[in-house]
């Protein structure tokens, strides 16, 4: 096949894989019951004037299945980290004991489970939209490529197969996450 068309297919495959990677990251941030340091991994802290991930200013770990602990490397960061966790609006109420911040992860109510399921569905739909946008861009590039019509048609078929495969991956990931969220 034409090098230009191969490049379009390869780059589209990479972009679609990035959409799946992003979806997996989003799903890790949607908690499904037990405590995990990843739940607050996206929290940004004002560290001497610049926004820094919480994991770069403190040790984040889990004590048990329902408790996350945050131990800042600098004691003066306790209140700043506590405030950042509250501002992140993750549904947690951090407690500061002067040494560490303790976050009790409450058990999920049925209402909260449904809300999280909707959040997961929205993330999955966003990933599908991204995949379809990648397909649209690839189809546009294929039409502009200098190759025979048969080669272009074959490349379009390959792009559609990629799209179908990645869309199915998104559905599979969502199904697993939804089951995890709804499991009591």
Protein backbone atom coordinates (compact mmCIF):
# COMPACT_ATOMS: atom_id res chain seq x y z
CA UNK A 1 0.00 0.00 0.00
CA UNK A 2 0.98 3.62 -0.42
CA UNK A 3 3.31 4.99 2.31
CA UNK A 4 1.13 8.04 2.82
CA UNK A 5 -1.95 5.89 3.40
CA UNK A 6 -0.02 3.60 5.77
CA UNK A 7 1.06 6.64 7.75
CA UNK A 8 -2.55 7.89 7.97
CA UNK A 9 -3.74 4.49 9.22
CA UNK A 10 -0.91 4.17 11.75
CA UNK A 11 -1.36 7.67 13.14
CA UNK A 12 -5.13 7.17 13.37
CA UNK A 13 -4.57 3.91 15.23
CA UNK A 14 -2.30 5.76 17.66
CA UNK A 15 -4.85 8.55 18.19
CA UNK A 16 -7.62 6.04 18.84
CA UNK A 17 -5.38 4.17 21.29
CA UNK A 18 -4.82 7.49 23.09
CA UNK A 19 -8.60 7.85 23.45
CA UNK A 20 -8.73 4.43 25.14
CA UNK A 21 -5.80 5.34 27.41
CA UNK A 22 -7.55 8.57 28.38
CA UNK A 23 -10.78 6.68 29.08
CA UNK A 24 -8.93 4.23 31.35
CA UNK A 25 -7.44 7.18 33.24
CA UNK A 26 -10.89 8.75 33.60
CA UNK A 27 -12.30 5.46 34.88
CA UNK A 28 -9.54 5.19 37.50
CA UNK A 29 -10.72 8.53 38.88
CA UNK A 30 -14.28 7.25 39.25
CA UNK A 31 -14.28 5.42 42.53
CA UNK A 32 -16.22 2.23 42.88
CA UNK A 33 -16.15 1.49 46.58
CA UNK A 34 -12.72 0.92 48.02
CA UNK A 35 -10.17 3.62 48.67
CA UNK A 36 -7.31 4.15 46.24
CA UNK A 37 -4.57 6.81 46.03
CA UNK A 38 -5.59 7.32 42.39
CA UNK A 39 -8.87 8.83 43.65
CA UNK A 40 -7.08 12.04 44.58
CA UNK A 41 -4.23 11.72 42.06
CA UNK A 42 -5.73 14.47 39.91
CA UNK A 43 -5.83 17.02 42.75
CA UNK A 44 -3.57 20.00 42.07
CA UNK A 45 -1.97 21.85 44.99
CA UNK A 46 -0.66 25.42 45.04
CA UNK A 47 2.99 24.73 45.81
CA UNK A 48 4.86 28.02 46.15
CA UNK A 49 2.87 29.67 43.39
CA UNK A 50 2.61 26.84 40.87
CA UNK A 51 -0.04 24.16 40.56
CA UNK A 52 1.52 20.79 41.33
CA UNK A 53 -0.01 17.29 41.48
CA UNK A 54 -0.66 16.21 45.07
CA UNK A 55 1.61 13.18 44.59
CA UNK A 56 4.58 15.52 44.11
CA UNK A 57 4.13 17.29 47.45
CA UNK A 58 2.94 14.44 49.67
CA UNK A 59 2.94 10.71 50.20
CA UNK A 60 -0.54 9.40 49.32
CA UNK A 61 -1.45 5.91 50.53
CA UNK A 62 -4.33 3.80 51.84
CA UNK A 63 -4.61 2.66 55.46
CA UNK A 64 -7.47 0.27 54.73
CA UNK A 65 -10.27 -0.22 52.21
CA UNK A 66 -12.05 2.97 53.32
CA UNK A 67 -9.24 5.36 54.32
CA UNK A 68 -6.75 7.40 52.29
CA UNK A 69 -3.88 9.12 54.07
CA UNK A 70 -1.93 12.09 52.77
CA UNK A 71 1.36 12.90 54.49
CA UNK A 72 2.90 16.13 53.20
CA UNK A 73 6.65 16.34 52.91
CA UNK A 74 6.49 19.84 54.39
CA UNK A 75 4.29 20.41 57.44
CA UNK A 76 3.24 23.88 56.28
CA UNK A 77 1.52 22.25 53.28
CA UNK A 78 -1.13 20.49 55.44
CA UNK A 79 -3.78 23.21 55.19
CA UNK A 80 -3.03 23.93 51.53
CA UNK A 81 -3.43 20.25 50.60
CA UNK A 82 -6.59 19.93 52.70
CA UNK A 83 -8.07 22.98 50.95
CA UNK A 84 -7.09 21.63 47.50
CA UNK A 85 -8.85 18.32 48.21
CA UNK A 86 -12.01 20.19 49.21
CA UNK A 87 -11.83 22.47 46.14
CA UNK A 88 -11.44 19.42 43.87
CA UNK A 89 -15.04 18.56 44.84
CA UNK A 90 -14.52 14.80 44.94
CA UNK A 91 -17.11 14.26 47.65
CA UNK A 92 -14.49 13.77 50.38
CA UNK A 93 -14.21 15.49 53.74
CA UNK A 94 -10.49 15.54 54.65
CA UNK A 95 -9.51 15.62 58.33
CA UNK A 96 -6.24 17.16 59.45
CA UNK A 97 -4.71 15.81 62.68
CA UNK A 98 -1.62 18.04 62.59
CA UNK A 99 0.62 15.36 61.06
CA UNK A 100 -1.35 13.82 58.20
CA UNK A 101 -4.61 14.29 56.36
CA UNK A 102 -7.07 11.43 56.72
CA UNK A 103 -9.81 10.96 54.15
CA UNK A 104 -12.60 8.55 54.99
CA UNK A 105 -14.10 7.17 51.80
CA UNK A 106 -17.79 6.70 52.52
CA UNK A 107 -19.68 3.66 51.29
CA UNK A 108 -21.55 4.41 48.11
CA UNK A 109 -25.30 4.96 48.27
CA UNK A 110 -27.52 3.66 45.46
CA UNK A 111 -28.08 7.24 44.32
CA UNK A 112 -24.32 7.89 44.20
CA UNK A 113 -23.74 4.64 42.30
CA UNK A 114 -26.23 5.73 39.63
CA UNK A 115 -24.54 9.14 39.45
CA UNK A 116 -21.10 7.51 39.03
CA UNK A 117 -22.49 5.18 36.39
CA UNK A 118 -23.75 8.20 34.45
CA UNK A 119 -20.33 9.83 34.84
CA UNK A 120 -18.67 6.68 33.45
CA UNK A 121 -21.18 6.58 30.57
CA UNK A 122 -20.38 10.21 29.73
CA UNK A 123 -16.62 9.47 29.75
CA UNK A 124 -17.21 6.47 27.46
CA UNK A 125 -19.32 8.57 25.10
CA UNK A 126 -16.62 11.26 25.04
CA UNK A 127 -14.07 8.58 24.07
CA UNK A 128 -16.35 7.37 21.26
CA UNK A 129 -16.76 10.92 19.97
CA UNK A 130 -12.98 11.31 20.00
CA UNK A 131 -12.60 8.05 18.03
CA UNK A 132 -15.21 9.15 15.48
CA UNK A 133 -13.44 12.51 15.11
CA UNK A 134 -10.18 10.65 14.48
CA UNK A 135 -11.97 8.60 11.81
CA UNK A 136 -13.38 11.73 10.17
CA UNK A 137 -9.93 13.35 10.07
CA UNK A 138 -8.39 10.17 8.63
CA UNK A 139 -11.06 9.90 5.93
CA UNK A 140 -10.43 13.53 5.01
CA UNK A 141 -6.67 12.89 4.78
CA UNK A 142 -7.23 9.75 2.68
CA UNK A 143 -9.33 11.71 0.18
CA UNK A 144 -6.47 14.24 -0.20
CA UNK A 145 -3.79 11.54 -0.52
CA UNK A 146 -2.16 10.84 -3.85
CA UNK A 147 -3.03 7.20 -4.47
CA UNK A 148 -5.30 5.11 -6.65
CA UNK A 149 -9.00 4.96 -5.84
CA UNK A 150 -8.72 1.26 -4.93
CA UNK A 151 -5.96 2.00 -2.42
CA UNK A 152 -7.99 4.86 -0.94
CA UNK A 153 -11.04 2.62 -0.65
CA UNK A 154 -9.00 -0.10 1.09
CA UNK A 155 -7.55 2.48 3.48
CA UNK A 156 -11.05 3.77 4.28
CA UNK A 157 -12.16 0.20 5.02
CA UNK A 158 -9.14 -0.23 7.34
CA UNK A 159 -9.97 3.02 9.15
CA UNK A 160 -13.59 1.88 9.60
CA UNK A 161 -12.38 -1.44 11.04
CA UNK A 162 -10.16 0.45 13.49
CA UNK A 163 -13.10 2.65 14.46
CA UNK A 164 -15.35 -0.36 15.04
CA UNK A 165 -12.68 -2.15 17.11
CA UNK A 166 -11.95 0.86 19.31
CA UNK A 167 -15.66 1.62 19.77
CA UNK A 168 -16.16 -1.96 20.94
CA UNK A 169 -13.21 -1.54 23.33
CA UNK A 170 -14.89 1.55 24.81
CA UNK A 171 -18.14 -0.40 25.26
CA UNK A 172 -16.27 -3.28 26.92
CA UNK A 173 -14.40 -0.94 29.28
CA UNK A 174 -17.66 0.81 30.19
CA UNK A 175 -19.45 -2.47 30.84
CA UNK A 176 -16.71 -3.61 33.24
CA UNK A 177 -16.64 -0.25 35.03
CA UNK A 178 -20.43 -0.09 35.30
CA UNK A 179 -20.54 -3.57 36.86
CA UNK A 180 -17.80 -2.52 39.29
CA UNK A 181 -19.72 0.64 40.26
CA UNK A 182 -23.10 -1.07 40.68
CA UNK A 183 -21.74 -4.01 42.69
CA UNK A 184 -22.79 -3.54 46.31
